[in-house]
Amino acid sequence: MRYLMLVVEPDVPDREPTSDIVEWVRRHDADGSRVLGERLRPAADVRRVQVRDGRTLVTDGPFTESKEVIGGFDLIEAPNLEAALAIAAGHPGAFGGGTVEVHPYWPTDGADPS
């Protein structure tokens, strides 16, 4: 089953990946559990899009109500939720004030995967 991991962190300036992130990516790419992942641009580069009454509204970031930002994401394959949570618990983004959210995929054909 596929899971989307969102790495949520305090808004920090643009930075290079740390060695622990590089190692986590290498390990999970090698074992096939990581399908895709990337860092995301800083909050100032984010745009929100809403359509209201036929009008498209675009709001530039950063958003004052947000104290944290999504700093990156990883798409992983795991046999079940417990395995996905174990992978997330090893992600360096889960330590030191960060959070890793694990979102199970829900197929677009409407079938409930659980």
PDB file of N, CA and C in Angstrom:
ATOM      1  N   MET A   1       0.847  -1.176   0.000  1.00  0.00           N
ATOM      2  CA  MET A   1       0.000   0.000   0.000  1.00  0.00           C
ATOM      3  C   MET A   1       0.892   1.238   0.000  1.00  0.00           C
ATOM      4  N   ARG A   2       0.408   2.289  -0.621  1.00  0.00           N
ATOM      5  CA  ARG A   2       1.174   3.535  -0.667  1.00  0.00           C
ATOM      6  C   ARG A   2       0.718   4.506   0.416  1.00  0.00           C
ATOM      7  N   TYR A   3       1.700   5.269   0.891  1.00  0.00           N
ATOM      8  CA  TYR A   3       1.476   6.283   1.911  1.00  0.00           C
ATOM      9  C   TYR A   3       2.237   7.537   1.518  1.00  0.00           C
ATOM     10  N   LEU A   4       1.633   8.691   1.771  1.00  0.00           N
ATOM     11  CA  LEU A   4       2.297   9.967   1.577  1.00  0.00           C
ATOM     12  C   LEU A   4       2.764  10.446   2.935  1.00  0.00           C
ATOM     13  N   MET A   5       4.058  10.679   3.060  1.00  0.00           N
ATOM     14  CA  MET A   5       4.607  11.237   4.294  1.00  0.00           C
ATOM     15  C   MET A   5       4.875  12.717   4.061  1.00  0.00           C
ATOM     16  N   LEU A   6       4.299  13.557   4.908  1.00  0.00           N
ATOM     17  CA  LEU A   6       4.569  14.993   4.853  1.00  0.00           C
ATOM     18  C   LEU A   6       5.486  15.340   6.008  1.00  0.00           C
ATOM     19  N   VAL A   7       6.607  15.966   5.697  1.00  0.00           N
ATOM     20  CA  VAL A   7       7.565  16.361   6.717  1.00  0.00           C
ATOM     21  C   VAL A   7       7.237  17.796   7.108  1.00  0.00           C
ATOM     22  N   VAL A   8       6.708  17.960   8.315  1.00  0.00           N
ATOM     23  CA  VAL A   8       6.252  19.258   8.811  1.00  0.00           C
ATOM     24  C   VAL A   8       7.291  19.773   9.797  1.00  0.00           C
ATOM     25  N   GLU A   9       7.713  21.015   9.582  1.00  0.00           N
ATOM     26  CA  GLU A   9       8.773  21.563  10.415  1.00  0.00           C
ATOM     27  C   GLU A   9       8.560  23.048  10.637  1.00  0.00           C
ATOM     28  N   PRO A  10       9.233  23.594  11.660  1.00  0.00           N
ATOM     29  CA  PRO A  10       9.190  25.054  11.822  1.00  0.00           C
ATOM     30  C   PRO A  10       9.763  25.688  10.556  1.00  0.00           C
ATOM     31  N   ASP A  11       9.257  26.855  10.191  1.00  0.00           N
ATOM     32  CA  ASP A  11       9.749  27.526   8.987  1.00  0.00           C
ATOM     33  C   ASP A  11      11.212  27.870   9.189  1.00  0.00           C
ATOM     34  N   VAL A  12      12.056  27.230   8.414  1.00  0.00           N
ATOM     35  CA  VAL A  12      13.497  27.461   8.515  1.00  0.00           C
ATOM     36  C   VAL A  12      14.011  27.960   7.167  1.00  0.00           C
ATOM     37  N   PRO A  13      15.127  28.687   7.176  1.00  0.00           N
ATOM     38  CA  PRO A  13      15.657  29.164   5.903  1.00  0.00           C
ATOM     39  C   PRO A  13      16.053  27.991   5.001  1.00  0.00           C
ATOM     40  N   ASP A  14      16.130  28.271   3.710  1.00  0.00           N
ATOM     41  CA  ASP A  14      16.540  27.252   2.744  1.00  0.00           C
ATOM     42  C   ASP A  14      17.859  26.642   3.204  1.00  0.00           C
ATOM     43  N   ARG A  15      17.930  25.319   3.158  1.00  0.00           N
ATOM     44  CA  ARG A  15      19.130  24.645   3.633  1.00  0.00           C
ATOM     45  C   ARG A  15      19.370  23.400   2.800  1.00  0.00           C
ATOM     46  N   GLU A  16      20.583  22.919   2.878  1.00  0.00           N
ATOM     47  CA  GLU A  16      20.961  21.684   2.200  1.00  0.00           C
ATOM     48  C   GLU A  16      20.530  20.498   3.052  1.00  0.00           C
ATOM     49  N   PRO A  17      20.287  19.349   2.423  1.00  0.00           N
ATOM     50  CA  PRO A  17      19.931  18.162   3.204  1.00  0.00           C
ATOM     51  C   PRO A  17      21.077  17.781   4.142  1.00  0.00           C
ATOM     52  N   THR A  18      20.723  17.362   5.333  1.00  0.00           N
ATOM     53  CA  THR A  18      21.735  16.930   6.295  1.00  0.00           C
ATOM     54  C   THR A  18      22.128  15.487   6.010  1.00  0.00           C
ATOM     55  N   SER A  19      23.237  15.069   6.581  1.00  0.00           N
ATOM     56  CA  SER A  19      23.733  13.718   6.323  1.00  0.00           C
ATOM     57  C   SER A  19      22.744  12.652   6.788  1.00  0.00           C
ATOM     58  N   ASP A  20      21.994  12.916   7.872  1.00  0.00           N
ATOM     59  CA  ASP A  20      21.027  11.912   8.335  1.00  0.00           C
ATOM     60  C   ASP A  20      19.853  11.770   7.360  1.00  0.00           C
ATOM     61  N   ILE A  21      19.458  12.859   6.725  1.00  0.00           N
ATOM     62  CA  ILE A  21      18.406  12.788   5.701  1.00  0.00           C
ATOM     63  C   ILE A  21      18.935  12.016   4.481  1.00  0.00           C
ATOM     64  N   VAL A  22      20.145  12.352   4.048  1.00  0.00           N
ATOM     65  CA  VAL A  22      20.745  11.668   2.900  1.00  0.00           C
ATOM     66  C   VAL A  22      20.810  10.169   3.161  1.00  0.00           C
ATOM     67  N   GLU A  23      21.203   9.771   4.363  1.00  0.00           N
ATOM     68  CA  GLU A  23      21.292   8.350   4.719  1.00  0.00           C
ATOM     69  C   GLU A  23      19.911   7.697   4.748  1.00  0.00           C
ATOM     70  N   TRP A  24      18.902   8.377   5.315  1.00  0.00           N
ATOM     71  CA  TRP A  24      17.541   7.825   5.353  1.00  0.00           C
ATOM     72  C   TRP A  24      17.039   7.604   3.932  1.00  0.00           C
ATOM     73  N   VAL A  25      17.235   8.572   3.042  1.00  0.00           N
ATOM     74  CA  VAL A  25      16.808   8.454   1.649  1.00  0.00           C
ATOM     75  C   VAL A  25      17.538   7.295   0.976  1.00  0.00           C
ATOM     76  N   ARG A  26      18.848   7.212   1.142  1.00  0.00           N
ATOM     77  CA  ARG A  26      19.631   6.140   0.532  1.00  0.00           C
ATOM     78  C   ARG A  26      19.133   4.765   0.973  1.00  0.00           C
ATOM     79  N   ARG A  27      18.906   4.616   2.279  1.00  0.00           N
ATOM     80  CA  ARG A  27      18.469   3.328   2.831  1.00  0.00           C
ATOM     81  C   ARG A  27      17.103   2.918   2.273  1.00  0.00           C
ATOM     82  N   HIS A  28      16.159   3.853   2.227  1.00  0.00           N
ATOM     83  CA  HIS A  28      14.806   3.511   1.789  1.00  0.00           C
ATOM     84  C   HIS A  28      14.669   3.460   0.264  1.00  0.00           C
ATOM     85  N   ASP A  29      15.543   4.158  -0.457  1.00  0.00           N
ATOM     86  CA  ASP A  29      15.602   3.958  -1.906  1.00  0.00           C
ATOM     87  C   ASP A  29      16.133   2.552  -2.200  1.00  0.00           C
ATOM     88  N   ALA A  30      17.158   2.142  -1.454  1.00  0.00           N
ATOM     89  CA  ALA A  30      17.785   0.833  -1.689  1.00  0.00           C
ATOM     90  C   ALA A  30      16.840  -0.323  -1.389  1.00  0.00           C
ATOM     91  N   ASP A  31      16.020  -0.198  -0.329  1.00  0.00           N
ATOM     92  CA  ASP A  31      15.134  -1.324   0.000  1.00  0.00           C
ATOM     93  C   ASP A  31      13.798  -1.254  -0.749  1.00  0.00           C
ATOM     94  N   GLY A  32      13.610  -0.206  -1.550  1.00  0.00           N
ATOM     95  CA  GLY A  32      12.418  -0.092  -2.380  1.00  0.00           C
ATOM     96  C   GLY A  32      11.196   0.473  -1.692  1.00  0.00           C
ATOM     97  N   SER A  33      11.318   0.854  -0.418  1.00  0.00           N
ATOM     98  CA  SER A  33      10.144   1.388   0.281  1.00  0.00           C
ATOM     99  C   SER A  33       9.873   2.849  -0.073  1.00  0.00           C
ATOM    100  N   ARG A  34      10.879   3.579  -0.523  1.00  0.00           N
ATOM    101  CA  ARG A  34      10.690   4.980  -0.929  1.00  0.00           C
ATOM    102  C   ARG A  34      10.514   5.032  -2.436  1.00  0.00           C
ATOM    103  N   VAL A  35       9.357   5.522  -2.871  1.00  0.00           N
ATOM    104  CA  VAL A  35       9.037   5.609  -4.284  1.00  0.00           C
ATOM    105  C   VAL A  35       9.501   6.945  -4.857  1.00  0.00           C
ATOM    106  N   LEU A  36       9.316   8.016  -4.083  1.00  0.00           N
ATOM    107  CA  LEU A  36       9.594   9.371  -4.550  1.00  0.00           C
ATOM    108  C   LEU A  36       9.656  10.286  -3.344  1.00  0.00           C
ATOM    109  N   GLY A  37      10.402  11.351  -3.447  1.00  0.00           N
ATOM    110  CA  GLY A  37      10.437  12.346  -2.383  1.00  0.00           C
ATOM    111  C   GLY A  37      11.242  13.551  -2.814  1.00  0.00           C
ATOM    112  N   GLU A  38      10.927  14.689  -2.228  1.00  0.00           N
ATOM    113  CA  GLU A  38      11.630  15.935  -2.542  1.00  0.00           C
ATOM    114  C   GLU A  38      11.522  16.906  -1.381  1.00  0.00           C
ATOM    115  N   ARG A  39      12.490  17.824  -1.319  1.00  0.00           N
ATOM    116  CA  ARG A  39      12.352  18.980  -0.437  1.00  0.00           C
ATOM    117  C   ARG A  39      11.416  19.950  -1.131  1.00  0.00           C
ATOM    118  N   LEU A  40      10.789  20.822  -0.364  1.00  0.00           N
ATOM    119  CA  LEU A  40       9.915  21.845  -0.943  1.00  0.00           C
ATOM    120  C   LEU A  40      10.513  23.226  -0.699  1.00  0.00           C
ATOM    121  N   ARG A  41      10.174  24.158  -1.560  1.00  0.00           N
ATOM    122  CA  ARG A  41      10.676  25.527  -1.445  1.00  0.00           C
ATOM    123  C   ARG A  41      10.163  26.168  -0.152  1.00  0.00           C
ATOM    124  N   PRO A  42      10.819  27.233   0.305  1.00  0.00           N
ATOM    125  CA  PRO A  42      10.401  27.913   1.533  1.00  0.00           C
ATOM    126  C   PRO A  42       8.971  28.462   1.448  1.00  0.00           C
ATOM    127  N   ALA A  43       8.389  28.736   2.604  1.00  0.00           N
ATOM    128  CA  ALA A  43       6.993  29.188   2.700  1.00  0.00           C
ATOM    129  C   ALA A  43       6.709  30.437   1.865  1.00  0.00           C
ATOM    130  N   ALA A  44       7.695  31.287   1.689  1.00  0.00           N
ATOM    131  CA  ALA A  44       7.482  32.504   0.891  1.00  0.00           C
ATOM    132  C   ALA A  44       7.180  32.199  -0.573  1.00  0.00           C
ATOM    133  N   ASP A  45       7.525  31.001  -1.033  1.00  0.00           N
ATOM    134  CA  ASP A  45       7.291  30.619  -2.422  1.00  0.00           C
ATOM    135  C   ASP A  45       5.983  29.850  -2.628  1.00  0.00           C
ATOM    136  N   VAL A  46       5.252  29.615  -1.558  1.00  0.00           N
ATOM    137  CA  VAL A  46       4.009  28.839  -1.625  1.00  0.00           C
ATOM    138  C   VAL A  46       2.856  29.725  -2.094  1.00  0.00           C
ATOM    139  N   ARG A  47       1.934  29.148  -2.853  1.00  0.00           N
ATOM    140  CA  ARG A  47       0.710  29.838  -3.270  1.00  0.00           C
ATOM    141  C   ARG A  47      -0.477  28.963  -2.916  1.00  0.00           C
ATOM    142  N   ARG A  48      -1.530  29.573  -2.435  1.00  0.00           N
ATOM    143  CA  ARG A  48      -2.795  28.878  -2.189  1.00  0.00           C
ATOM    144  C   ARG A  48      -3.769  29.267  -3.275  1.00  0.00           C
ATOM    145  N   VAL A  49      -4.498  28.290  -3.791  1.00  0.00           N
ATOM    146  CA  VAL A  49      -5.468  28.541  -4.854  1.00  0.00           C
ATOM    147  C   VAL A  49      -6.843  28.117  -4.357  1.00  0.00           C
ATOM    148  N   GLN A  50      -7.805  29.012  -4.491  1.00  0.00           N
ATOM    149  CA  GLN A  50      -9.198  28.735  -4.148  1.00  0.00           C
ATOM    150  C   GLN A  50     -10.071  29.256  -5.285  1.00  0.00           C
ATOM    151  N   VAL A  51     -11.179  28.574  -5.534  1.00  0.00           N
ATOM    152  CA  VAL A  51     -12.150  29.064  -6.498  1.00  0.00           C
ATOM    153  C   VAL A  51     -13.440  29.328  -5.731  1.00  0.00           C
ATOM    154  N   ARG A  52     -13.911  30.578  -5.787  1.00  0.00           N
ATOM    155  CA  ARG A  52     -15.124  31.006  -5.088  1.00  0.00           C
ATOM    156  C   ARG A  52     -15.990  31.790  -6.056  1.00  0.00           C
ATOM    157  N   ASP A  53     -17.232  31.372  -6.191  1.00  0.00           N
ATOM    158  CA  ASP A  53     -18.164  32.041  -7.090  1.00  0.00           C
ATOM    159  C   ASP A  53     -17.586  32.223  -8.490  1.00  0.00           C
ATOM    160  N   GLY A  54     -16.874  31.198  -8.972  1.00  0.00           N
ATOM    161  CA  GLY A  54     -16.322  31.237 -10.315  1.00  0.00           C
ATOM    162  C   GLY A  54     -15.038  32.036 -10.465  1.00  0.00           C
ATOM    163  N   ARG A  55     -14.559  32.629  -9.380  1.00  0.00           N
ATOM    164  CA  ARG A  55     -13.320  33.416  -9.420  1.00  0.00           C
ATOM    165  C   ARG A  55     -12.190  32.625  -8.796  1.00  0.00           C
ATOM    166  N   THR A  56     -11.041  32.653  -9.446  1.00  0.00           N
ATOM    167  CA  THR A  56      -9.848  32.005  -8.890  1.00  0.00           C
ATOM    168  C   THR A  56      -9.102  33.010  -8.029  1.00  0.00           C
ATOM    169  N   LEU A  57      -8.890  32.641  -6.779  1.00  0.00           N
ATOM    170  CA  LEU A  57      -8.166  33.486  -5.833  1.00  0.00           C
ATOM    171  C   LEU A  57      -6.830  32.837  -5.527  1.00  0.00           C
ATOM    172  N   VAL A  58      -5.749  33.589  -5.693  1.00  0.00           N
ATOM    173  CA  VAL A  58      -4.407  33.096  -5.407  1.00  0.00           C
ATOM    174  C   VAL A  58      -3.827  33.949  -4.291  1.00  0.00           C
ATOM    175  N   THR A  59      -3.389  33.294  -3.223  1.00  0.00           N
ATOM    176  CA  THR A  59      -2.806  33.990  -2.077  1.00  0.00           C
ATOM    177  C   THR A  59      -1.338  33.609  -1.988  1.00  0.00           C
ATOM    178  N   ASP A  60      -0.470  34.612  -1.904  1.00  0.00           N
ATOM    179  CA  ASP A  60       0.966  34.377  -1.776  1.00  0.00           C
ATOM    180  C   ASP A  60       1.322  34.023  -0.341  1.00  0.00           C
ATOM    181  N   GLY A  61       2.285  33.112  -0.165  1.00  0.00           N
ATOM    182  CA  GLY A  61       2.810  32.777   1.153  1.00  0.00           C
ATOM    183  C   GLY A  61       3.879  33.781   1.537  1.00  0.00           C
ATOM    184  N   PRO A  62       4.382  33.742   2.742  1.00  0.00           N
ATOM    185  CA  PRO A  62       3.984  32.812   3.788  1.00  0.00           C
ATOM    186  C   PRO A  62       2.652  33.215   4.404  1.00  0.00           C
ATOM    187  N   PHE A  63       2.040  32.276   5.065  1.00  0.00           N
ATOM    188  CA  PHE A  63       0.730  32.489   5.654  1.00  0.00           C
ATOM    189  C   PHE A  63       0.901  32.711   7.148  1.00  0.00           C
ATOM    190  N   THR A  64       0.471  33.869   7.609  1.00  0.00           N
ATOM    191  CA  THR A  64       0.739  34.261   8.999  1.00  0.00           C
ATOM    192  C   THR A  64       0.160  33.296  10.013  1.00  0.00           C
ATOM    193  N   GLU A  65      -0.948  32.614   9.672  1.00  0.00           N
ATOM    194  CA  GLU A  65      -1.529  31.700  10.642  1.00  0.00           C
ATOM    195  C   GLU A  65      -0.750  30.397  10.768  1.00  0.00           C
ATOM    196  N   SER A  66       0.218  30.165   9.874  1.00  0.00           N
ATOM    197  CA  SER A  66       0.994  28.929   9.898  1.00  0.00           C
ATOM    198  C   SER A  66       2.264  29.115  10.701  1.00  0.00           C
ATOM    199  N   LYS A  67       2.449  28.268  11.700  1.00  0.00           N
ATOM    200  CA  LYS A  67       3.682  28.289  12.473  1.00  0.00           C
ATOM    201  C   LYS A  67       4.644  27.233  11.964  1.00  0.00           C
ATOM    202  N   GLU A  68       4.124  26.299  11.184  1.00  0.00           N
ATOM    203  CA  GLU A  68       4.938  25.241  10.612  1.00  0.00           C
ATOM    204  C   GLU A  68       4.682  25.179   9.117  1.00  0.00           C
ATOM    205  N   VAL A  69       5.619  24.601   8.393  1.00  0.00           N
ATOM    206  CA  VAL A  69       5.470  24.440   6.951  1.00  0.00           C
ATOM    207  C   VAL A  69       5.763  22.991   6.577  1.00  0.00           C
ATOM    208  N   ILE A  70       5.257  22.579   5.422  1.00  0.00           N
ATOM    209  CA  ILE A  70       5.616  21.278   4.878  1.00  0.00           C
ATOM    210  C   ILE A  70       6.954  21.472   4.181  1.00  0.00           C
ATOM    211  N   GLY A  71       7.981  20.892   4.749  1.00  0.00           N
ATOM    212  CA  GLY A  71       9.335  21.075   4.230  1.00  0.00           C
ATOM    213  C   GLY A  71       9.698  20.078   3.148  1.00  0.00           C
ATOM    214  N   GLY A  72       8.937  18.985   3.069  1.00  0.00           N
ATOM    215  CA  GLY A  72       9.219  17.973   2.067  1.00  0.00           C
ATOM    216  C   GLY A  72       8.184  16.868   2.147  1.00  0.00           C
ATOM    217  N   PHE A  73       8.320  15.929   1.238  1.00  0.00           N
ATOM    218  CA  PHE A  73       7.390  14.800   1.221  1.00  0.00           C
ATOM    219  C   PHE A  73       8.114  13.567   0.737  1.00  0.00           C
ATOM    220  N   ASP A  74       7.587  12.426   1.100  1.00  0.00           N
ATOM    221  CA  ASP A  74       8.064  11.150   0.588  1.00  0.00           C
ATOM    222  C   ASP A  74       6.854  10.278   0.324  1.00  0.00           C
ATOM    223  N   LEU A  75       6.862   9.620  -0.806  1.00  0.00           N
ATOM    224  CA  LEU A  75       5.861   8.632  -1.150  1.00  0.00           C
ATOM    225  C   LEU A  75       6.501   7.278  -0.877  1.00  0.00           C
ATOM    226  N   ILE A  76       5.873   6.497  -0.014  1.00  0.00           N
ATOM    227  CA  ILE A  76       6.464   5.212   0.356  1.00  0.00           C
ATOM    228  C   ILE A  76       5.498   4.071   0.066  1.00  0.00           C
ATOM    229  N   GLU A  77       6.058   2.882  -0.077  1.00  0.00           N
ATOM    230  CA  GLU A  77       5.313   1.627  -0.200  1.00  0.00           C
ATOM    231  C   GLU A  77       5.579   0.852   1.081  1.00  0.00           C
ATOM    232  N   ALA A  78       4.524   0.375   1.701  1.00  0.00           N
ATOM    233  CA  ALA A  78       4.665  -0.442   2.905  1.00  0.00           C
ATOM    234  C   ALA A  78       3.541  -1.468   2.913  1.00  0.00           C
ATOM    235  N   PRO A  79       3.768  -2.635   3.501  1.00  0.00           N
ATOM    236  CA  PRO A  79       2.739  -3.670   3.499  1.00  0.00           C
ATOM    237  C   PRO A  79       1.518  -3.317   4.341  1.00  0.00           C
ATOM    238  N   ASN A  80       1.700  -2.415   5.327  1.00  0.00           N
ATOM    239  CA  ASN A  80       0.591  -2.039   6.199  1.00  0.00           C
ATOM    240  C   ASN A  80       0.941  -0.747   6.929  1.00  0.00           C
ATOM    241  N   LEU A  81      -0.042  -0.232   7.670  1.00  0.00           N
ATOM    242  CA  LEU A  81       0.149   1.034   8.378  1.00  0.00           C
ATOM    243  C   LEU A  81       1.269   0.944   9.412  1.00  0.00           C
ATOM    244  N   GLU A  82       1.366  -0.162  10.111  1.00  0.00           N
ATOM    245  CA  GLU A  82       2.409  -0.295  11.131  1.00  0.00           C
ATOM    246  C   GLU A  82       3.804  -0.162  10.526  1.00  0.00           C
ATOM    247  N   ALA A  83       4.007  -0.789   9.356  1.00  0.00           N
ATOM    248  CA  ALA A  83       5.302  -0.686   8.679  1.00  0.00           C
ATOM    249  C   ALA A  83       5.546   0.753   8.212  1.00  0.00           C
ATOM    250  N   ALA A  84       4.506   1.416   7.708  1.00  0.00           N
ATOM    251  CA  ALA A  84       4.643   2.809   7.275  1.00  0.00           C
ATOM    252  C   ALA A  84       5.006   3.710   8.455  1.00  0.00           C
ATOM    253  N   LEU A  85       4.385   3.470   9.596  1.00  0.00           N
ATOM    254  CA  LEU A  85       4.688   4.273  10.784  1.00  0.00           C
ATOM    255  C   LEU A  85       6.119   4.043  11.255  1.00  0.00           C
ATOM    256  N   ALA A  86       6.610   2.817  11.131  1.00  0.00           N
ATOM    257  CA  ALA A  86       7.997   2.530  11.508  1.00  0.00           C
ATOM    258  C   ALA A  86       8.971   3.265  10.591  1.00  0.00           C
ATOM    259  N   ILE A  87       8.670   3.309   9.302  1.00  0.00           N
ATOM    260  CA  ILE A  87       9.511   4.055   8.363  1.00  0.00           C
ATOM    261  C   ILE A  87       9.494   5.535   8.730  1.00  0.00           C
ATOM    262  N   ALA A  88       8.313   6.072   9.021  1.00  0.00           N
ATOM    263  CA  ALA A  88       8.185   7.484   9.394  1.00  0.00           C
ATOM    264  C   ALA A  88       8.925   7.795  10.691  1.00  0.00           C
ATOM    265  N   ALA A  89       8.877   6.874  11.639  1.00  0.00           N
ATOM    266  CA  ALA A  89       9.540   7.092  12.930  1.00  0.00           C
ATOM    267  C   ALA A  89      11.056   7.170  12.781  1.00  0.00           C
ATOM    268  N   GLY A  90      11.591   6.592  11.715  1.00  0.00           N
ATOM    269  CA  GLY A  90      13.017   6.678  11.473  1.00  0.00           C
ATOM    270  C   GLY A  90      13.440   7.892  10.667  1.00  0.00           C
ATOM    271  N   HIS A  91      12.479   8.646  10.161  1.00  0.00           N
ATOM    272  CA  HIS A  91      12.807   9.822   9.346  1.00  0.00           C
ATOM    273  C   HIS A  91      13.362  10.921  10.249  1.00  0.00           C
ATOM    274  N   PRO A  92      14.504  11.524   9.882  1.00  0.00           N
ATOM    275  CA  PRO A  92      15.076  12.591  10.704  1.00  0.00           C
ATOM    276  C   PRO A  92      14.128  13.763  10.924  1.00  0.00           C
ATOM    277  N   GLY A  93      13.171  13.968  10.031  1.00  0.00           N
ATOM    278  CA  GLY A  93      12.210  15.055  10.201  1.00  0.00           C
ATOM    279  C   GLY A  93      11.268  14.851  11.368  1.00  0.00           C
ATOM    280  N   ALA A  94      11.205  13.641  11.925  1.00  0.00           N
ATOM    281  CA  ALA A  94      10.345  13.372  13.073  1.00  0.00           C
ATOM    282  C   ALA A  94      10.998  13.798  14.390  1.00  0.00           C
ATOM    283  N   PHE A  95      12.262  14.149  14.352  1.00  0.00           N
ATOM    284  CA  PHE A  95      13.017  14.503  15.551  1.00  0.00           C
ATOM    285  C   PHE A  95      13.217  16.009  15.649  1.00  0.00           C
ATOM    286  N   GLY A  96      13.567  16.498  16.819  1.00  0.00           N
ATOM    287  CA  GLY A  96      13.991  17.880  17.001  1.00  0.00           C
ATOM    288  C   GLY A  96      12.968  18.938  16.644  1.00  0.00           C
ATOM    289  N   GLY A  97      11.718  18.731  17.009  1.00  0.00           N
ATOM    290  CA  GLY A  97      10.697  19.734  16.769  1.00  0.00           C
ATOM    291  C   GLY A  97       9.894  19.530  15.500  1.00  0.00           C
ATOM    292  N   GLY A  98      10.276  18.563  14.683  1.00  0.00           N
ATOM    293  CA  GLY A  98       9.538  18.290  13.458  1.00  0.00           C
ATOM    294  C   GLY A  98       8.504  17.196  13.661  1.00  0.00           C
ATOM    295  N   THR A  99       7.699  16.989  12.639  1.00  0.00           N
ATOM    296  CA  THR A  99       6.646  15.976  12.642  1.00  0.00           C
ATOM    297  C   THR A  99       6.598  15.349  11.259  1.00  0.00           C
ATOM    298  N   VAL A 100       6.324  14.055  11.219  1.00  0.00           N
ATOM    299  CA  VAL A 100       6.081  13.391   9.945  1.00  0.00           C
ATOM    300  C   VAL A 100       4.650  12.874   9.974  1.00  0.00           C
ATOM    301  N   GLU A 101       3.827  13.396   9.071  1.00  0.00           N
ATOM    302  CA  GLU A 101       2.441  12.927   8.951  1.00  0.00           C
ATOM    303  C   GLU A 101       2.415  11.788   7.944  1.00  0.00           C
ATOM    304  N   VAL A 102       1.652  10.735   8.252  1.00  0.00           N
ATOM    305  CA  VAL A 102       1.528   9.585   7.359  1.00  0.00           C
ATOM    306  C   VAL A 102       0.087   9.540   6.860  1.00  0.00           C
ATOM    307  N   HIS A 103      -0.071   9.724   5.552  1.00  0.00           N
ATOM    308  CA  HIS A 103      -1.392   9.751   4.924  1.00  0.00           C
ATOM    309  C   HIS A 103      -1.554   8.520   4.032  1.00  0.00           C
ATOM    310  N   PRO A 104      -2.451   7.595   4.384  1.00  0.00           N
ATOM    311  CA  PRO A 104      -2.695   6.453   3.493  1.00  0.00           C
ATOM    312  C   PRO A 104      -3.361   6.929   2.203  1.00  0.00           C
ATOM    313  N   TYR A 105      -2.986   6.316   1.101  1.00  0.00           N
ATOM    314  CA  TYR A 105      -3.647   6.590  -0.175  1.00  0.00           C
ATOM    315  C   TYR A 105      -5.061   6.037  -0.137  1.00  0.00           C
ATOM    316  N   TRP A 106      -5.957   6.697  -0.849  1.00  0.00           N
ATOM    317  CA  TRP A 106      -7.300   6.204  -1.062  1.00  0.00           C
ATOM    318  C   TRP A 106      -7.504   6.185  -2.564  1.00  0.00           C
ATOM    319  N   PRO A 107      -7.555   5.027  -3.171  1.00  0.00           N
ATOM    320  CA  PRO A 107      -7.615   4.946  -4.632  1.00  0.00           C
ATOM    321  C   PRO A 107      -8.739   5.792  -5.219  1.00  0.00           C
ATOM    322  N   THR A 108      -8.494   6.378  -6.374  1.00  0.00           N
ATOM    323  CA  THR A 108      -9.482   7.240  -7.023  1.00  0.00           C
ATOM    324  C   THR A 108     -10.660   6.466  -7.589  1.00  0.00           C
ATOM    325  N   ASP A 109     -10.558   5.133  -7.634  1.00  0.00           N
ATOM    326  CA  ASP A 109     -11.693   4.352  -8.107  1.00  0.00           C
ATOM    327  C   ASP A 109     -12.777   4.207  -7.025  1.00  0.00           C
ATOM    328  N   GLY A 110     -12.508   4.828  -5.859  1.00  0.00           N
ATOM    329  CA  GLY A 110     -13.485   4.828  -4.777  1.00  0.00           C
ATOM    330  C   GLY A 110     -13.411   3.616  -3.860  1.00  0.00           C
ATOM    331  N   ALA A 111     -12.621   2.630  -4.228  1.00  0.00           N
ATOM    332  CA  ALA A 111     -12.503   1.453  -3.381  1.00  0.00           C
ATOM    333  C   ALA A 111     -11.804   1.814  -2.076  1.00  0.00           C
ATOM    334  N   ASP A 112     -12.327   1.342  -0.977  1.00  0.00           N
ATOM    335  CA  ASP A 112     -11.713   1.572   0.327  1.00  0.00           C
ATOM    336  C   ASP A 112     -10.600   0.535   0.498  1.00  0.00           C
ATOM    337  N   PRO A 113      -9.325   0.997   0.585  1.00  0.00           N
ATOM    338  CA  PRO A 113      -8.219   0.054   0.648  1.00  0.00           C
ATOM    339  C   PRO A 113      -8.097  -0.679   1.982  1.00  0.00           C
ATOM    340  N   SER A 114      -8.842  -0.277   2.987  1.00  0.00           N
ATOM    341  CA  SER A 114      -8.671  -0.924   4.297  1.00  0.00           C
ATOM    342  C   SER A 114      -9.443  -2.209   4.415  1.00  0.00           C
TER     343      SER A 114
END
